[in-house]
Amino acid sequence: MARKLVYYVACTLDGFIARKNGSFDCFLFQGEHFPDLIARFPETFPAHLRGVLGASETARRFDTVLMGRNTYQVGLDAGVTNPYKPLRQIVVSNSLMESPDPAVELHRGSSLVLVQGLKRENGLDIWLCGGSKLAGSFLGEIDEFVLKINPVLIGTGIPLFDRAAGALPTTLIEHKAYANGFVLARYAPVR
């Protein structure tokens, strides 16, 4: 089976992945949904937090993480240069001149060509961690959307997709609603 590119991301009810300043303080960082996320997607928690959260070091769904410069910068600002070890980590950026960590690859070319190449490789799925610009640049290559929908409206912020053109119909594959209002929803594009 071919590798999938999966946009696995937290968002607000009104479709934002962060506030305009990049903060995601409006998301639920504890609650009944957390054990499910830790069990199903342990590799998506930053490596320095896995032990505290009881998350496995074993990759279950993804072996590669793809992120834009702004998403990677969140970790850099906290002093974390290798956030998702042992995953293959690729940062797409034209402004970052070199990777601050040997475990993190820097890609300065076409993100579309990169994604198409990664999908031809053998392995687990590819996690599109963020961000908005990157997701919008190759929307047609995304094979699944896994949205961690937080029960909050913020009115303005960084949207799920920046500059996405046209409509892309999807079908709901799976969803689970929690008593705290958090919803985990999986969608596949209809092509």
Protein backbone atom coordinates (compact mmCIF):
# COMPACT_ATOMS: atom_id res chain seq x y z
CA MET A 1 0.00 0.00 0.00
CA ALA A 2 1.30 3.46 -0.89
CA ARG A 3 2.31 5.94 1.75
CA LYS A 4 -0.24 8.60 2.56
CA LEU A 5 0.33 12.26 3.25
CA VAL A 6 -1.79 12.99 6.33
CA TYR A 7 -2.55 16.49 7.59
CA TYR A 8 -2.84 15.72 11.31
CA VAL A 9 -3.44 19.02 13.06
CA ALA A 10 -5.25 20.70 15.93
CA CYS A 11 -7.75 23.39 15.00
CA THR A 12 -10.50 25.51 16.44
CA LEU A 13 -14.15 25.04 15.63
CA ASP A 14 -13.87 27.96 13.21
CA GLY A 15 -10.91 26.44 11.34
CA PHE A 16 -7.78 28.06 12.76
CA ILE A 17 -4.58 26.19 13.71
CA ALA A 18 -3.28 29.04 15.87
CA ARG A 19 -3.90 32.62 16.82
CA LYS A 20 -2.51 35.32 14.49
CA ASN A 21 0.62 35.56 16.69
CA GLY A 22 1.18 31.78 16.40
CA SER A 23 -0.07 30.97 19.90
CA PHE A 24 -2.18 27.87 20.39
CA ASP A 25 -3.06 28.55 24.02
CA CYS A 26 -6.77 28.14 23.23
CA PHE A 27 -6.45 24.36 22.67
CA LEU A 28 -7.26 21.67 25.23
CA PHE A 29 -3.98 20.22 26.50
CA GLN A 30 -5.58 17.86 28.95
CA GLY A 31 -8.78 15.91 29.20
CA GLU A 32 -10.31 12.60 28.28
CA HIS A 33 -9.16 12.81 24.64
CA PHE A 34 -5.47 12.86 25.52
CA PRO A 35 -5.06 9.14 26.33
CA ASP A 36 -6.57 8.29 22.92
CA LEU A 37 -4.20 10.65 21.11
CA ILE A 38 -1.20 9.31 23.05
CA ALA A 39 -2.16 5.71 22.25
CA ARG A 40 -2.93 6.26 18.56
CA PHE A 41 -0.33 8.88 17.61
CA PRO A 42 2.52 8.73 20.19
CA GLU A 43 5.13 9.92 17.68
CA THR A 44 3.28 13.22 17.20
CA PHE A 45 4.09 14.40 20.71
CA PRO A 46 7.37 16.28 21.05
CA ALA A 47 10.14 13.88 22.11
CA HIS A 48 10.95 15.86 25.27
CA LEU A 49 7.35 15.42 26.50
CA ARG A 50 6.76 11.75 25.67
CA GLY A 51 8.15 10.42 28.96
CA VAL A 52 6.10 12.87 31.02
CA LEU A 53 2.94 11.96 29.09
CA GLY A 54 3.61 8.23 29.03
CA ALA A 55 3.73 8.23 25.23
CA SER A 56 5.54 5.39 23.50
CA GLU A 57 8.78 5.99 21.65
CA THR A 58 7.48 3.66 18.92
CA ALA A 59 6.08 5.19 15.76
CA ARG A 60 2.61 3.77 15.09
CA ARG A 61 1.31 5.74 12.10
CA PHE A 62 4.10 8.00 10.80
CA ASP A 63 7.82 7.68 10.16
CA THR A 64 8.29 11.09 8.54
CA VAL A 65 7.17 14.54 9.64
CA LEU A 66 6.98 17.48 7.26
CA MET A 67 6.68 21.02 8.59
CA GLY A 68 7.08 24.60 7.51
CA ARG A 69 9.51 27.07 9.02
CA ASN A 70 6.94 28.73 11.33
CA THR A 71 5.86 25.37 12.76
CA TYR A 72 9.48 24.36 13.36
CA GLN A 73 10.17 27.76 14.91
CA VAL A 74 7.80 26.99 17.81
CA GLY A 75 10.23 24.32 19.00
CA LEU A 76 13.30 26.42 18.27
CA ASP A 77 11.92 29.22 20.42
CA ALA A 78 11.68 26.70 23.28
CA GLY A 79 15.24 25.46 22.67
CA VAL A 80 14.11 22.24 20.96
CA THR A 81 15.98 21.56 17.70
CA ASN A 82 15.01 17.88 17.27
CA PRO A 83 11.33 17.79 18.25
CA TYR A 84 10.11 14.51 16.79
CA LYS A 85 12.96 12.02 17.06
CA PRO A 86 13.17 9.27 15.89
CA LEU A 87 11.02 10.37 12.92
CA ARG A 88 12.61 11.64 9.74
CA GLN A 89 12.07 15.38 10.14
CA ILE A 90 11.95 17.71 7.15
CA VAL A 91 11.54 21.48 7.37
CA VAL A 92 10.49 23.28 4.19
CA SER A 93 11.93 26.78 4.25
CA ASN A 94 13.52 29.29 1.94
CA SER A 95 14.47 31.58 4.84
CA LEU A 96 16.32 29.08 7.05
CA MET A 97 19.89 28.92 5.76
CA GLU A 98 20.92 25.70 7.52
CA SER A 99 19.38 23.18 9.86
CA PRO A 100 20.21 23.79 13.53
CA ASP A 101 20.23 20.02 14.12
CA PRO A 102 21.77 17.20 12.05
CA ALA A 103 18.63 15.09 12.60
CA VAL A 104 16.46 17.70 10.86
CA GLU A 105 16.61 17.98 7.06
CA LEU A 106 16.14 21.34 5.42
CA HIS A 107 14.33 21.43 2.06
CA ARG A 108 14.64 24.64 0.07
CA GLY A 109 13.12 23.56 -3.25
CA SER A 110 9.62 22.79 -4.43
CA SER A 111 7.46 21.37 -1.67
CA LEU A 112 5.27 19.65 -4.26
CA VAL A 113 8.22 17.77 -5.75
CA LEU A 114 9.37 16.84 -2.22
CA VAL A 115 5.96 15.42 -1.26
CA GLN A 116 5.58 13.47 -4.47
CA GLY A 117 9.02 11.93 -3.92
CA LEU A 118 8.30 11.05 -0.29
CA LYS A 119 5.05 9.34 -1.26
CA ARG A 120 6.94 7.06 -3.66
CA GLU A 121 9.26 5.85 -0.87
CA ASN A 122 8.55 2.81 1.28
CA GLY A 123 7.57 3.31 4.89
CA LEU A 124 4.83 4.47 7.18
CA ASP A 125 2.68 7.48 6.40
CA ILE A 126 3.96 11.05 6.19
CA TRP A 127 2.69 13.49 8.81
CA LEU A 128 2.08 17.02 7.63
CA CYS A 129 2.50 18.76 10.96
CA GLY A 130 1.95 22.26 9.65
CA GLY A 131 1.58 24.85 8.65
CA SER A 132 -1.05 26.67 6.80
CA LYS A 133 1.07 27.85 3.87
CA LEU A 134 2.63 24.44 3.35
CA ALA A 135 -0.75 22.66 3.48
CA GLY A 136 -2.20 25.13 1.00
CA SER A 137 0.72 24.70 -1.39
CA PHE A 138 0.01 21.02 -2.04
CA LEU A 139 -3.60 20.51 -0.99
CA GLY A 140 -4.16 18.12 -3.89
CA GLU A 141 -1.47 15.76 -2.56
CA ILE A 142 -3.03 15.33 0.90
CA ASP A 143 -4.57 11.86 1.23
CA GLU A 144 -6.20 12.24 4.63
CA PHE A 145 -7.13 14.98 7.06
CA VAL A 146 -7.07 14.13 10.77
CA LEU A 147 -8.47 17.11 12.62
CA LYS A 148 -8.27 17.55 16.37
CA ILE A 149 -11.17 19.96 16.67
CA ASN A 150 -11.10 22.00 19.85
CA PRO A 151 -14.39 23.39 21.16
CA VAL A 152 -13.47 27.06 20.87
CA LEU A 153 -14.07 29.91 18.44
CA ILE A 154 -11.32 32.51 18.11
CA GLY A 155 -12.66 34.54 15.16
CA THR A 156 -9.31 35.16 13.53
CA GLY A 157 -5.97 33.43 13.31
CA ILE A 158 -3.88 31.19 11.08
CA PRO A 159 -6.28 29.15 8.92
CA LEU A 160 -6.02 25.42 8.23
CA PHE A 161 -5.05 26.29 4.65
CA ASP A 162 -3.47 29.43 3.30
CA ARG A 163 -4.15 30.21 -0.35
CA ALA A 164 -6.00 26.97 -1.04
CA ALA A 165 -7.75 27.31 -4.37
CA GLY A 166 -11.00 25.65 -5.27
CA ALA A 167 -13.23 23.21 -3.47
CA LEU A 168 -12.12 19.75 -2.44
CA PRO A 169 -14.98 17.46 -1.44
CA THR A 170 -14.21 15.05 1.40
CA THR A 171 -15.86 12.11 3.06
CA LEU A 172 -15.92 11.44 6.78
CA ILE A 173 -14.00 8.23 7.57
CA GLU A 174 -14.21 8.25 11.35
CA HIS A 175 -15.02 10.55 14.22
CA LYS A 176 -15.12 10.47 17.98
CA ALA A 177 -16.66 13.14 20.16
CA TYR A 178 -15.63 13.54 23.78
CA ALA A 179 -17.70 14.91 26.66
CA ASN A 180 -15.37 17.93 26.92
CA GLY A 181 -16.37 18.98 23.38
CA PHE A 182 -13.16 17.83 21.66
CA VAL A 183 -13.73 15.95 18.39
CA LEU A 184 -11.24 13.76 16.54
CA ALA A 185 -12.34 13.55 12.90
CA ARG A 186 -10.77 11.80 9.92
CA TYR A 187 -11.64 12.80 6.37
CA ALA A 188 -10.49 11.58 2.96
CA PRO A 189 -10.63 13.69 -0.19
CA VAL A 190 -13.05 12.54 -2.86
CA ARG A 191 -11.08 12.37 -6.09
